[in-house]
Full PDB file with SEQRES, HELIX, SHEET, SSBOND, CRYST1, ORIGX, SCALE, CONECT and MASTER records, all heavy atoms in Angstrom:
SEQRES   1 A   41  GLY TYR GLU MET MET GLY VAL ASP SER SER GLU ASP MET          
SEQRES   2 A   41  LEU SER VAL ALA ARG GLY ILE ASP GLU GLU ASP ASP SER          
SEQRES   3 A   41  SER ILE LEU TYR ILE ASN GLN ASP MET ARG GLU LEU GLU          
SEQRES   4 A   41  LEU LEU                                                      
HELIX    1 AA1 GLU A   11  GLU A   23  1                                  13    
SHEET    1 AA1 2 MET A   5  ASP A   8  0                                        
SHEET    2 AA1 2 LEU A  29  ASN A  32  1                                        
CRYST1    1.000    1.000    1.000  90.00  90.00  90.00 P 1           1          
ORIGX1      1.000000  0.000000  0.000000        0.00000                         
ORIGX2      0.000000  1.000000  0.000000        0.00000                         
ORIGX3      0.000000  0.000000  1.000000        0.00000                         
SCALE1      1.000000  0.000000  0.000000        0.00000                         
SCALE2      0.000000  1.000000  0.000000        0.00000                         
SCALE3      0.000000  0.000000  1.000000        0.00000                         
ATOM      1  N   GLY A   1     -97.324 164.899 -20.808  1.00  0.00           N  
ATOM      2  CA  GLY A   1     -96.359 165.929 -20.953  1.00  0.00           C  
ATOM      3  C   GLY A   1     -96.666 166.964 -21.943  1.00  0.00           C  
ATOM      4  O   GLY A   1     -95.864 167.888 -22.199  1.00  0.00           O  
ATOM      5  N   TYR A   2     -97.808 166.863 -22.661  1.00  0.00           N  
ATOM      6  CA  TYR A   2     -98.250 167.845 -23.633  1.00  0.00           C  
ATOM      7  C   TYR A   2     -98.759 169.119 -22.983  1.00  0.00           C  
ATOM      8  O   TYR A   2     -99.367 169.037 -21.971  1.00  0.00           O  
ATOM      9  CB  TYR A   2     -99.342 167.314 -24.652  1.00  0.00           C  
ATOM     10  CG  TYR A   2     -98.850 166.067 -25.387  1.00  0.00           C  
ATOM     11  CD1 TYR A   2     -99.329 164.792 -25.064  1.00  0.00           C  
ATOM     12  CD2 TYR A   2     -97.995 166.145 -26.500  1.00  0.00           C  
ATOM     13  CE1 TYR A   2     -98.894 163.690 -25.759  1.00  0.00           C  
ATOM     14  CE2 TYR A   2     -97.500 165.073 -27.163  1.00  0.00           C  
ATOM     15  CZ  TYR A   2     -97.970 163.813 -26.780  1.00  0.00           C  
ATOM     16  OH  TYR A   2     -97.624 162.789 -27.497  1.00  0.00           O  
ATOM     17  N   GLU A   3     -98.584 170.270 -23.627  1.00  0.00           N  
ATOM     18  CA  GLU A   3     -99.144 171.575 -23.184  1.00  0.00           C  
ATOM     19  C   GLU A   3    -100.514 171.544 -23.716  1.00  0.00           C  
ATOM     20  O   GLU A   3    -100.668 171.817 -24.971  1.00  0.00           O  
ATOM     21  CB  GLU A   3     -98.246 172.620 -23.775  1.00  0.00           C  
ATOM     22  CG  GLU A   3     -96.839 172.664 -23.231  1.00  0.00           C  
ATOM     23  CD  GLU A   3     -95.894 173.661 -23.994  1.00  0.00           C  
ATOM     24  OE1 GLU A   3     -96.470 174.449 -24.809  1.00  0.00           O  
ATOM     25  OE2 GLU A   3     -94.724 173.657 -23.777  1.00  0.00           O  
ATOM     26  N   MET A   4    -101.456 171.276 -22.975  1.00  0.00           N  
ATOM     27  CA  MET A   4    -102.815 171.145 -23.335  1.00  0.00           C  
ATOM     28  C   MET A   4    -103.676 172.399 -23.212  1.00  0.00           C  
ATOM     29  O   MET A   4    -103.601 173.207 -22.364  1.00  0.00           O  
ATOM     30  CB  MET A   4    -103.488 170.053 -22.532  1.00  0.00           C  
ATOM     31  CG  MET A   4    -102.918 168.658 -22.770  1.00  0.00           C  
ATOM     32  SD  MET A   4    -102.922 168.047 -24.492  1.00  0.00           S  
ATOM     33  CE  MET A   4    -104.704 168.112 -24.877  1.00  0.00           C  
ATOM     34  N   MET A   5    -104.603 172.474 -24.202  1.00  0.00           N  
ATOM     35  CA  MET A   5    -105.699 173.563 -24.171  1.00  0.00           C  
ATOM     36  C   MET A   5    -106.990 172.772 -24.534  1.00  0.00           C  
ATOM     37  O   MET A   5    -106.991 171.973 -25.442  1.00  0.00           O  
ATOM     38  CB  MET A   5    -105.435 174.566 -25.226  1.00  0.00           C  
ATOM     39  CG  MET A   5    -106.445 175.687 -25.255  1.00  0.00           C  
ATOM     40  SD  MET A   5    -106.206 176.807 -26.618  1.00  0.00           S  
ATOM     41  CE  MET A   5    -104.598 177.443 -26.295  1.00  0.00           C  
ATOM     42  N   GLY A   6    -108.091 173.141 -23.860  1.00  0.00           N  
ATOM     43  CA  GLY A   6    -109.324 172.485 -24.138  1.00  0.00           C  
ATOM     44  C   GLY A   6    -110.360 173.538 -24.659  1.00  0.00           C  
ATOM     45  O   GLY A   6    -110.502 174.674 -24.231  1.00  0.00           O  
ATOM     46  N   VAL A   7    -111.010 173.151 -25.808  1.00  0.00           N  
ATOM     47  CA  VAL A   7    -112.023 174.081 -26.333  1.00  0.00           C  
ATOM     48  C   VAL A   7    -113.364 173.343 -26.507  1.00  0.00           C  
ATOM     49  O   VAL A   7    -113.394 172.174 -26.891  1.00  0.00           O  
ATOM     50  CB  VAL A   7    -111.599 174.494 -27.726  1.00  0.00           C  
ATOM     51  CG1 VAL A   7    -112.678 175.252 -28.527  1.00  0.00           C  
ATOM     52  CG2 VAL A   7    -110.346 175.328 -27.675  1.00  0.00           C  
ATOM     53  N   ASP A   8    -114.469 174.023 -26.097  1.00  0.00           N  
ATOM     54  CA  ASP A   8    -115.698 173.384 -26.175  1.00  0.00           C  
ATOM     55  C   ASP A   8    -116.730 174.573 -26.310  1.00  0.00           C  
ATOM     56  O   ASP A   8    -116.593 175.639 -25.851  1.00  0.00           O  
ATOM     57  CB  ASP A   8    -116.116 172.558 -24.965  1.00  0.00           C  
ATOM     58  CG  ASP A   8    -117.109 171.426 -25.203  1.00  0.00           C  
ATOM     59  OD1 ASP A   8    -118.310 171.813 -25.278  1.00  0.00           O  
ATOM     60  OD2 ASP A   8    -116.734 170.323 -25.473  1.00  0.00           O  
ATOM     61  N   SER A   9    -117.907 174.226 -27.028  1.00  0.00           N  
ATOM     62  CA  SER A   9    -118.935 175.208 -27.219  1.00  0.00           C  
ATOM     63  C   SER A   9    -119.881 175.180 -26.050  1.00  0.00           C  
ATOM     64  O   SER A   9    -120.808 176.083 -25.991  1.00  0.00           O  
ATOM     65  CB  SER A   9    -119.688 174.884 -28.512  1.00  0.00           C  
ATOM     66  OG  SER A   9    -120.234 173.597 -28.437  1.00  0.00           O  
ATOM     67  N   SER A  10    -119.805 174.224 -25.129  1.00  0.00           N  
ATOM     68  CA  SER A  10    -120.659 174.171 -23.987  1.00  0.00           C  
ATOM     69  C   SER A  10    -120.032 174.706 -22.756  1.00  0.00           C  
ATOM     70  O   SER A  10    -119.069 174.228 -22.233  1.00  0.00           O  
ATOM     71  CB  SER A  10    -121.136 172.703 -23.670  1.00  0.00           C  
ATOM     72  OG  SER A  10    -121.723 172.579 -22.356  1.00  0.00           O  
ATOM     73  N   GLU A  11    -120.608 175.847 -22.301  1.00  0.00           N  
ATOM     74  CA  GLU A  11    -119.965 176.560 -21.034  1.00  0.00           C  
ATOM     75  C   GLU A  11    -120.136 175.600 -19.830  1.00  0.00           C  
ATOM     76  O   GLU A  11    -119.352 175.688 -18.932  1.00  0.00           O  
ATOM     77  CB  GLU A  11    -120.574 177.977 -20.842  1.00  0.00           C  
ATOM     78  CG  GLU A  11    -119.914 178.736 -19.791  1.00  0.00           C  
ATOM     79  CD  GLU A  11    -118.417 178.866 -19.940  1.00  0.00           C  
ATOM     80  OE1 GLU A  11    -118.048 179.431 -21.026  1.00  0.00           O  
ATOM     81  OE2 GLU A  11    -117.658 178.577 -19.057  1.00  0.00           O  
ATOM     82  N   ASP A  12    -121.260 174.867 -19.840  1.00  0.00           N  
ATOM     83  CA  ASP A  12    -121.477 173.998 -18.683  1.00  0.00           C  
ATOM     84  C   ASP A  12    -120.439 172.895 -18.652  1.00  0.00           C  
ATOM     85  O   ASP A  12    -120.003 172.554 -17.509  1.00  0.00           O  
ATOM     86  CB  ASP A  12    -122.983 173.362 -18.787  1.00  0.00           C  
ATOM     87  CG  ASP A  12    -123.935 174.380 -18.584  1.00  0.00           C  
ATOM     88  OD1 ASP A  12    -124.278 174.741 -17.426  1.00  0.00           O  
ATOM     89  OD2 ASP A  12    -124.615 174.912 -19.516  1.00  0.00           O  
ATOM     90  N   MET A  13    -120.043 172.240 -19.757  1.00  0.00           N  
ATOM     91  CA  MET A  13    -119.065 171.220 -19.804  1.00  0.00           C  
ATOM     92  C   MET A  13    -117.738 171.883 -19.282  1.00  0.00           C  
ATOM     93  O   MET A  13    -117.079 171.229 -18.466  1.00  0.00           O  
ATOM     94  CB  MET A  13    -118.922 170.685 -21.195  1.00  0.00           C  
ATOM     95  CG  MET A  13    -120.160 169.901 -21.670  1.00  0.00           C  
ATOM     96  SD  MET A  13    -120.347 168.347 -20.753  1.00  0.00           S  
ATOM     97  CE  MET A  13    -119.578 167.240 -21.959  1.00  0.00           C  
ATOM     98  N   LEU A  14    -117.443 173.069 -19.770  1.00  0.00           N  
ATOM     99  CA  LEU A  14    -116.167 173.698 -19.320  1.00  0.00           C  
ATOM    100  C   LEU A  14    -116.185 174.034 -17.855  1.00  0.00           C  
ATOM    101  O   LEU A  14    -115.119 174.058 -17.232  1.00  0.00           O  
ATOM    102  CB  LEU A  14    -115.928 174.991 -20.220  1.00  0.00           C  
ATOM    103  CG  LEU A  14    -115.650 174.773 -21.702  1.00  0.00           C  
ATOM    104  CD1 LEU A  14    -115.557 176.067 -22.492  1.00  0.00           C  
ATOM    105  CD2 LEU A  14    -114.399 173.910 -21.925  1.00  0.00           C  
ATOM    106  N   SER A  15    -117.294 174.402 -17.312  1.00  0.00           N  
ATOM    107  CA  SER A  15    -117.394 174.739 -15.929  1.00  0.00           C  
ATOM    108  C   SER A  15    -117.056 173.513 -15.030  1.00  0.00           C  
ATOM    109  O   SER A  15    -116.306 173.598 -14.052  1.00  0.00           O  
ATOM    110  CB  SER A  15    -118.860 175.147 -15.610  1.00  0.00           C  
ATOM    111  OG  SER A  15    -118.985 175.289 -14.166  1.00  0.00           O  
ATOM    112  N   VAL A  16    -117.551 172.323 -15.545  1.00  0.00           N  
ATOM    113  CA  VAL A  16    -117.148 171.041 -14.814  1.00  0.00           C  
ATOM    114  C   VAL A  16    -115.591 170.766 -14.928  1.00  0.00           C  
ATOM    115  O   VAL A  16    -114.986 170.469 -13.977  1.00  0.00           O  
ATOM    116  CB  VAL A  16    -117.908 169.858 -15.428  1.00  0.00           C  
ATOM    117  CG1 VAL A  16    -117.451 168.589 -14.805  1.00  0.00           C  
ATOM    118  CG2 VAL A  16    -119.411 169.982 -15.252  1.00  0.00           C  
ATOM    119  N   ALA A  17    -115.049 170.960 -16.226  1.00  0.00           N  
ATOM    120  CA  ALA A  17    -113.613 170.857 -16.419  1.00  0.00           C  
ATOM    121  C   ALA A  17    -112.809 171.757 -15.587  1.00  0.00           C  
ATOM    122  O   ALA A  17    -111.822 171.269 -14.950  1.00  0.00           O  
ATOM    123  CB  ALA A  17    -113.312 171.058 -17.936  1.00  0.00           C  
ATOM    124  N   ARG A  18    -113.160 172.984 -15.437  1.00  0.00           N  
ATOM    125  CA  ARG A  18    -112.409 173.881 -14.702  1.00  0.00           C  
ATOM    126  C   ARG A  18    -112.523 173.580 -13.210  1.00  0.00           C  
ATOM    127  O   ARG A  18    -111.550 173.767 -12.411  1.00  0.00           O  
ATOM    128  CB  ARG A  18    -112.985 175.337 -14.904  1.00  0.00           C  
ATOM    129  CG  ARG A  18    -112.665 175.854 -16.350  1.00  0.00           C  
ATOM    130  CD  ARG A  18    -113.201 177.226 -16.565  1.00  0.00           C  
ATOM    131  NE  ARG A  18    -113.085 177.794 -17.888  1.00  0.00           N  
ATOM    132  CZ  ARG A  18    -114.040 178.146 -18.654  1.00  0.00           C  
ATOM    133  NH1 ARG A  18    -115.272 178.057 -18.198  1.00  0.00           N  
ATOM    134  NH2 ARG A  18    -113.789 178.557 -19.902  1.00  0.00           N  
ATOM    135  N   GLY A  19    -113.649 173.129 -12.746  1.00  0.00           N  
ATOM    136  CA  GLY A  19    -113.806 172.741 -11.315  1.00  0.00           C  
ATOM    137  C   GLY A  19    -112.920 171.512 -10.952  1.00  0.00           C  
ATOM    138  O   GLY A  19    -112.332 171.626  -9.881  1.00  0.00           O  
ATOM    139  N   ILE A  20    -112.900 170.643 -11.860  1.00  0.00           N  
ATOM    140  CA  ILE A  20    -111.946 169.491 -11.601  1.00  0.00           C  
ATOM    141  C   ILE A  20    -110.441 169.939 -11.605  1.00  0.00           C  
ATOM    142  O   ILE A  20    -109.701 169.556 -10.717  1.00  0.00           O  
ATOM    143  CB  ILE A  20    -112.142 168.358 -12.600  1.00  0.00           C  
ATOM    144  CG1 ILE A  20    -113.550 167.801 -12.590  1.00  0.00           C  
ATOM    145  CG2 ILE A  20    -111.096 167.274 -12.484  1.00  0.00           C  
ATOM    146  CD1 ILE A  20    -113.925 166.780 -13.681  1.00  0.00           C  
ATOM    147  N   ASP A  21    -110.209 170.796 -12.552  1.00  0.00           N  
ATOM    148  CA  ASP A  21    -108.727 171.204 -12.565  1.00  0.00           C  
ATOM    149  C   ASP A  21    -108.340 172.068 -11.425  1.00  0.00           C  
ATOM    150  O   ASP A  21    -107.182 172.117 -11.007  1.00  0.00           O  
ATOM    151  CB  ASP A  21    -108.490 172.025 -13.886  1.00  0.00           C  
ATOM    152  CG  ASP A  21    -108.328 170.999 -15.048  1.00  0.00           C  
ATOM    153  OD1 ASP A  21    -108.755 169.879 -14.943  1.00  0.00           O  
ATOM    154  OD2 ASP A  21    -107.758 171.456 -16.097  1.00  0.00           O  
ATOM    155  N   GLU A  22    -109.300 172.845 -10.792  1.00  0.00           N  
ATOM    156  CA  GLU A  22    -109.020 173.639  -9.642  1.00  0.00           C  
ATOM    157  C   GLU A  22    -108.647 172.702  -8.491  1.00  0.00           C  
ATOM    158  O   GLU A  22    -107.730 173.041  -7.737  1.00  0.00           O  
ATOM    159  CB  GLU A  22    -110.151 174.557  -9.293  1.00  0.00           C  
ATOM    160  CG  GLU A  22    -110.364 175.747 -10.246  1.00  0.00           C  
ATOM    161  CD  GLU A  22    -111.565 176.573  -9.864  1.00  0.00           C  
ATOM    162  OE1 GLU A  22    -112.219 176.241  -8.749  1.00  0.00           O  
ATOM    163  OE2 GLU A  22    -111.890 177.511 -10.613  1.00  0.00           O  
ATOM    164  N   GLU A  23    -109.306 171.677  -8.393  1.00  0.00           N  
ATOM    165  CA  GLU A  23    -109.044 170.636  -7.298  1.00  0.00           C  
ATOM    166  C   GLU A  23    -107.642 170.087  -7.511  1.00  0.00           C  
ATOM    167  O   GLU A  23    -107.012 169.744  -6.548  1.00  0.00           O  
ATOM    168  CB  GLU A  23    -110.164 169.607  -7.254  1.00  0.00           C  
ATOM    169  CG  GLU A  23    -111.507 170.158  -6.914  1.00  0.00           C  
ATOM    170  CD  GLU A  23    -112.562 169.030  -6.834  1.00  0.00           C  
ATOM    171  OE1 GLU A  23    -112.260 167.891  -7.113  1.00  0.00           O  
ATOM    172  OE2 GLU A  23    -113.766 169.321  -6.467  1.00  0.00           O  
ATOM    173  N   ASP A  24    -107.345 169.784  -8.799  1.00  0.00           N  
ATOM    174  CA  ASP A  24    -106.119 169.086  -9.105  1.00  0.00           C  
ATOM    175  C   ASP A  24    -104.945 170.072  -9.355  1.00  0.00           C  
ATOM    176  O   ASP A  24    -103.836 169.714  -9.613  1.00  0.00           O  
ATOM    177  CB  ASP A  24    -106.194 168.357 -10.420  1.00  0.00           C  
ATOM    178  CG  ASP A  24    -107.196 167.153 -10.287  1.00  0.00           C  
ATOM    179  OD1 ASP A  24    -107.487 166.854  -9.168  1.00  0.00           O  
ATOM    180  OD2 ASP A  24    -107.668 166.657 -11.360  1.00  0.00           O  
ATOM    181  N   ASP A  25    -105.199 171.459  -9.136  1.00  0.00           N  
ATOM    182  CA  ASP A  25    -104.211 172.468  -9.323  1.00  0.00           C  
ATOM    183  C   ASP A  25    -103.529 172.367 -10.623  1.00  0.00           C  
ATOM    184  O   ASP A  25    -102.315 172.455 -10.870  1.00  0.00           O  
ATOM    185  CB  ASP A  25    -103.147 172.372  -8.219  1.00  0.00           C  
ATOM    186  CG  ASP A  25    -102.237 173.599  -8.118  1.00  0.00           C  
ATOM    187  OD1 ASP A  25    -102.731 174.685  -8.491  1.00  0.00           O  
ATOM    188  OD2 ASP A  25    -101.088 173.508  -7.745  1.00  0.00           O  
ATOM    189  N   SER A  26    -104.360 172.224 -11.709  1.00  0.00           N  
ATOM    190  CA  SER A  26    -103.873 172.120 -13.029  1.00  0.00           C  
ATOM    191  C   SER A  26    -103.846 173.482 -13.783  1.00  0.00           C  
ATOM    192  O   SER A  26    -104.509 174.394 -13.387  1.00  0.00           O  
ATOM    193  CB  SER A  26    -104.821 171.209 -13.869  1.00  0.00           C  
ATOM    194  OG  SER A  26    -104.630 171.264 -15.300  1.00  0.00           O  
ATOM    195  N   SER A  27    -102.949 173.509 -14.799  1.00  0.00           N  
ATOM    196  CA  SER A  27    -102.762 174.772 -15.494  1.00  0.00           C  
ATOM    197  C   SER A  27    -103.333 174.746 -16.887  1.00  0.00           C  
ATOM    198  O   SER A  27    -103.110 175.513 -17.750  1.00  0.00           O  
ATOM    199  CB  SER A  27    -101.228 175.110 -15.535  1.00  0.00           C  
ATOM    200  OG  SER A  27    -100.566 174.063 -16.316  1.00  0.00           O  
ATOM    201  N   ILE A  28    -104.215 173.744 -17.129  1.00  0.00           N  
ATOM    202  CA  ILE A  28    -104.814 173.739 -18.386  1.00  0.00           C  
ATOM    203  C   ILE A  28    -105.746 174.793 -18.714  1.00  0.00           C  
ATOM    204  O   ILE A  28    -106.610 175.235 -17.843  1.00  0.00           O  
ATOM    205  CB  ILE A  28    -105.671 172.362 -18.609  1.00  0.00           C  
ATOM    206  CG1 ILE A  28    -104.686 171.145 -18.426  1.00  0.00           C  
ATOM    207  CG2 ILE A  28    -106.436 172.250 -19.986  1.00  0.00           C  
ATOM    208  CD1 ILE A  28    -105.444 169.889 -18.437  1.00  0.00           C  
ATOM    209  N   LEU A  29    -105.676 175.399 -19.936  1.00  0.00           N  
ATOM    210  CA  LEU A  29    -106.507 176.579 -20.336  1.00  0.00           C  
ATOM    211  C   LEU A  29    -107.688 175.969 -21.071  1.00  0.00           C  
ATOM    212  O   LEU A  29    -107.628 175.252 -22.076  1.00  0.00           O  
ATOM    213  CB  LEU A  29    -105.803 177.475 -21.242  1.00  0.00           C  
ATOM    214  CG  LEU A  29    -106.595 178.636 -21.849  1.00  0.00           C  
ATOM    215  CD1 LEU A  29    -107.114 179.607 -20.807  1.00  0.00           C  
ATOM    216  CD2 LEU A  29    -105.749 179.413 -22.864  1.00  0.00           C  
ATOM    217  N   TYR A  30    -108.954 176.383 -20.568  1.00  0.00           N  
ATOM    218  CA  TYR A  30    -110.162 175.926 -21.263  1.00  0.00           C  
ATOM    219  C   TYR A  30    -110.908 177.218 -21.745  1.00  0.00           C  
ATOM    220  O   TYR A  30    -111.090 178.197 -21.017  1.00  0.00           O  
ATOM    221  CB  TYR A  30    -111.110 175.252 -20.169  1.00  0.00           C  
ATOM    222  CG  TYR A  30    -110.572 173.913 -19.719  1.00  0.00           C  
ATOM    223  CD1 TYR A  30    -110.026 173.720 -18.500  1.00  0.00           C  
ATOM    224  CD2 TYR A  30    -110.696 172.751 -20.595  1.00  0.00           C  
ATOM    225  CE1 TYR A  30    -109.531 172.533 -18.085  1.00  0.00           C  
ATOM    226  CE2 TYR A  30    -110.313 171.552 -20.115  1.00  0.00           C  
ATOM    227  CZ  TYR A  30    -109.619 171.384 -18.957  1.00  0.00           C  
ATOM    228  OH  TYR A  30    -109.246 170.268 -18.483  1.00  0.00           O  
ATOM    229  N   ILE A  31    -111.313 177.170 -23.056  1.00  0.00           N  
ATOM    230  CA  ILE A  31    -111.999 178.321 -23.669  1.00  0.00           C  
ATOM    231  C   ILE A  31    -113.208 177.911 -24.309  1.00  0.00           C  
ATOM    232  O   ILE A  31    -113.293 176.796 -24.906  1.00  0.00           O  
ATOM    233  CB  ILE A  31    -110.964 179.049 -24.593  1.00  0.00           C  
ATOM    234  CG1 ILE A  31    -110.451 178.146 -25.728  1.00  0.00           C  
ATOM    235  CG2 ILE A  31    -109.831 179.661 -23.857  1.00  0.00           C  
ATOM    236  CD1 ILE A  31    -109.575 178.787 -26.646  1.00  0.00           C  
ATOM    237  N   ASN A  32    -114.256 178.763 -24.320  1.00  0.00           N  
ATOM    238  CA  ASN A  32    -115.571 178.542 -24.904  1.00  0.00           C  
ATOM    239  C   ASN A  32    -115.553 179.052 -26.230  1.00  0.00           C  
ATOM    240  O   ASN A  32    -115.628 180.371 -26.563  1.00  0.00           O  
ATOM    241  CB  ASN A  32    -116.525 179.206 -23.962  1.00  0.00           C  
ATOM    242  CG  ASN A  32    -118.027 178.990 -24.483  1.00  0.00           C  
ATOM    243  OD1 ASN A  32    -118.837 179.787 -24.418  1.00  0.00           O  
ATOM    244  ND2 ASN A  32    -118.257 177.743 -25.023  1.00  0.00           N  
ATOM    245  N   GLN A  33    -115.361 178.234 -27.215  1.00  0.00           N  
ATOM    246  CA  GLN A  33    -115.399 178.593 -28.694  1.00  0.00           C  
ATOM    247  C   GLN A  33    -116.079 177.526 -29.465  1.00  0.00           C  
ATOM    248  O   GLN A  33    -116.176 176.371 -29.148  1.00  0.00           O  
ATOM    249  CB  GLN A  33    -114.036 178.846 -29.217  1.00  0.00           C  
ATOM    250  CG  GLN A  33    -113.342 180.041 -28.681  1.00  0.00           C  
ATOM    251  CD  GLN A  33    -112.079 180.395 -29.353  1.00  0.00           C  
ATOM    252  OE1 GLN A  33    -111.669 179.805 -30.362  1.00  0.00           O  
ATOM    253  NE2 GLN A  33    -111.247 181.421 -28.829  1.00  0.00           N  
ATOM    254  N   ASP A  34    -116.505 177.973 -30.687  1.00  0.00           N  
ATOM    255  CA  ASP A  34    -117.122 177.039 -31.675  1.00  0.00           C  
ATOM    256  C   ASP A  34    -116.053 176.594 -32.509  1.00  0.00           C  
ATOM    257  O   ASP A  34    -115.158 177.378 -33.011  1.00  0.00           O  
ATOM    258  CB  ASP A  34    -118.131 177.896 -32.523  1.00  0.00           C  
ATOM    259  CG  ASP A  34    -118.957 177.027 -33.458  1.00  0.00           C  
ATOM    260  OD1 ASP A  34    -118.415 176.120 -34.143  1.00  0.00           O  
ATOM    261  OD2 ASP A  34    -120.216 177.252 -33.434  1.00  0.00           O  
ATOM    262  N   MET A  35    -116.000 175.253 -32.806  1.00  0.00           N  
ATOM    263  CA  MET A  35    -114.955 174.626 -33.630  1.00  0.00           C  
ATOM    264  C   MET A  35    -114.934 175.199 -35.091  1.00  0.00           C  
ATOM    265  O   MET A  35    -113.940 175.109 -35.707  1.00  0.00           O  
ATOM    266  CB  MET A  35    -115.016 173.064 -33.613  1.00  0.00           C  
ATOM    267  CG  MET A  35    -116.242 172.652 -34.307  1.00  0.00           C  
ATOM    268  SD  MET A  35    -116.107 170.710 -34.459  1.00  0.00           S  
ATOM    269  CE  MET A  35    -116.459 170.265 -32.808  1.00  0.00           C  
ATOM    270  N   ARG A  36    -116.044 175.832 -35.488  1.00  0.00           N  
ATOM    271  CA  ARG A  36    -116.127 176.378 -36.824  1.00  0.00           C  
ATOM    272  C   ARG A  36    -115.464 177.800 -36.898  1.00  0.00           C  
ATOM    273  O   ARG A  36    -115.204 178.289 -37.973  1.00  0.00           O  
ATOM    274  CB  ARG A  36    -117.576 176.450 -37.266  1.00  0.00           C  
ATOM    275  CG  ARG A  36    -118.268 175.142 -37.421  1.00  0.00           C  
ATOM    276  CD  ARG A  36    -119.738 175.320 -37.558  1.00  0.00           C  
ATOM    277  NE  ARG A  36    -120.334 175.887 -36.338  1.00  0.00           N  
ATOM    278  CZ  ARG A  36    -121.615 176.088 -36.115  1.00  0.00           C  
ATOM    279  NH1 ARG A  36    -122.445 175.840 -37.133  1.00  0.00           N  
ATOM    280  NH2 ARG A  36    -122.064 176.586 -35.047  1.00  0.00           N  
ATOM    281  N   GLU A  37    -115.135 178.423 -35.684  1.00  0.00           N  
ATOM    282  CA  GLU A  37    -114.652 179.710 -35.721  1.00  0.00           C  
ATOM    283  C   GLU A  37    -113.571 179.899 -34.564  1.00  0.00           C  
ATOM    284  O   GLU A  37    -113.763 180.619 -33.704  1.00  0.00           O  
ATOM    285  CB  GLU A  37    -115.742 180.747 -35.491  1.00  0.00           C  
ATOM    286  CG  GLU A  37    -116.820 180.662 -36.556  1.00  0.00           C  
ATOM    287  CD  GLU A  37    -118.042 181.589 -36.221  1.00  0.00           C  
ATOM    288  OE1 GLU A  37    -118.159 182.004 -35.040  1.00  0.00           O  
ATOM    289  OE2 GLU A  37    -118.795 181.956 -37.104  1.00  0.00           O  
ATOM    290  N   LEU A  38    -112.587 179.061 -34.610  1.00  0.00           N  
ATOM    291  CA  LEU A  38    -111.523 179.184 -33.632  1.00  0.00           C  
ATOM    292  C   LEU A  38    -110.649 180.458 -33.755  1.00  0.00           C  
ATOM    293  O   LEU A  38    -110.288 180.884 -34.809  1.00  0.00           O  
ATOM    294  CB  LEU A  38    -110.535 177.909 -33.811  1.00  0.00           C  
ATOM    295  CG  LEU A  38    -111.112 176.537 -33.489  1.00  0.00           C  
ATOM    296  CD1 LEU A  38    -110.098 175.450 -33.876  1.00  0.00           C  
ATOM    297  CD2 LEU A  38    -111.603 176.400 -32.071  1.00  0.00           C  
ATOM    298  N   GLU A  39    -110.485 181.049 -32.559  1.00  0.00           N  
ATOM    299  CA  GLU A  39    -109.649 182.275 -32.575  1.00  0.00           C  
ATOM    300  C   GLU A  39    -108.612 182.038 -31.408  1.00  0.00           C  
ATOM    301  O   GLU A  39    -108.927 182.255 -30.158  1.00  0.00           O  
ATOM    302  CB  GLU A  39    -110.520 183.493 -32.226  1.00  0.00           C  
ATOM    303  CG  GLU A  39    -111.526 183.785 -33.331  1.00  0.00           C  
ATOM    304  CD  GLU A  39    -112.367 185.068 -33.066  1.00  0.00           C  
ATOM    305  OE1 GLU A  39    -112.070 185.711 -32.021  1.00  0.00           O  
ATOM    306  OE2 GLU A  39    -113.253 185.348 -33.846  1.00  0.00           O  
ATOM    307  N   LEU A  40    -107.394 181.645 -31.793  1.00  0.00           N  
ATOM    308  CA  LEU A  40    -106.363 181.376 -30.825  1.00  0.00           C  
ATOM    309  C   LEU A  40    -105.249 182.311 -30.920  1.00  0.00           C  
ATOM    310  O   LEU A  40    -104.954 182.890 -32.024  1.00  0.00           O  
ATOM    311  CB  LEU A  40    -105.815 179.963 -31.143  1.00  0.00           C  
ATOM    312  CG  LEU A  40    -106.913 178.837 -31.141  1.00  0.00           C  
ATOM    313  CD1 LEU A  40    -106.188 177.479 -31.522  1.00  0.00           C  
ATOM    314  CD2 LEU A  40    -107.613 178.763 -29.833  1.00  0.00           C  
ATOM    315  N   LEU A  41    -104.582 182.621 -29.816  1.00  0.00           N  
ATOM    316  CA  LEU A  41    -103.492 183.511 -29.766  1.00  0.00           C  
ATOM    317  C   LEU A  41    -102.204 182.865 -30.481  1.00  0.00           C  
ATOM    318  O   LEU A  41    -101.429 183.512 -31.117  1.00  0.00           O  
ATOM    319  CB  LEU A  41    -103.094 183.903 -28.369  1.00  0.00           C  
ATOM    320  CG  LEU A  41    -104.148 184.826 -27.624  1.00  0.00           C  
ATOM    321  CD1 LEU A  41    -103.616 185.030 -26.202  1.00  0.00           C  
ATOM    322  CD2 LEU A  41    -104.352 186.060 -28.368  1.00  0.00           C  
TER     323      LEU A  41                                                      
MASTER        0    0    0    1    2    0    0    6  322    1    0    4          
END                                                                             
């Protein structure tokens, strides 16, 4: 039940995550960022 966001520095890993979520019709936001320089709204 948590409102989730995923952050990773690997665009390839995020591509896999987004592909799975598209199949599951998920609304999770995945963004490509470095944990040392997070920029969130």
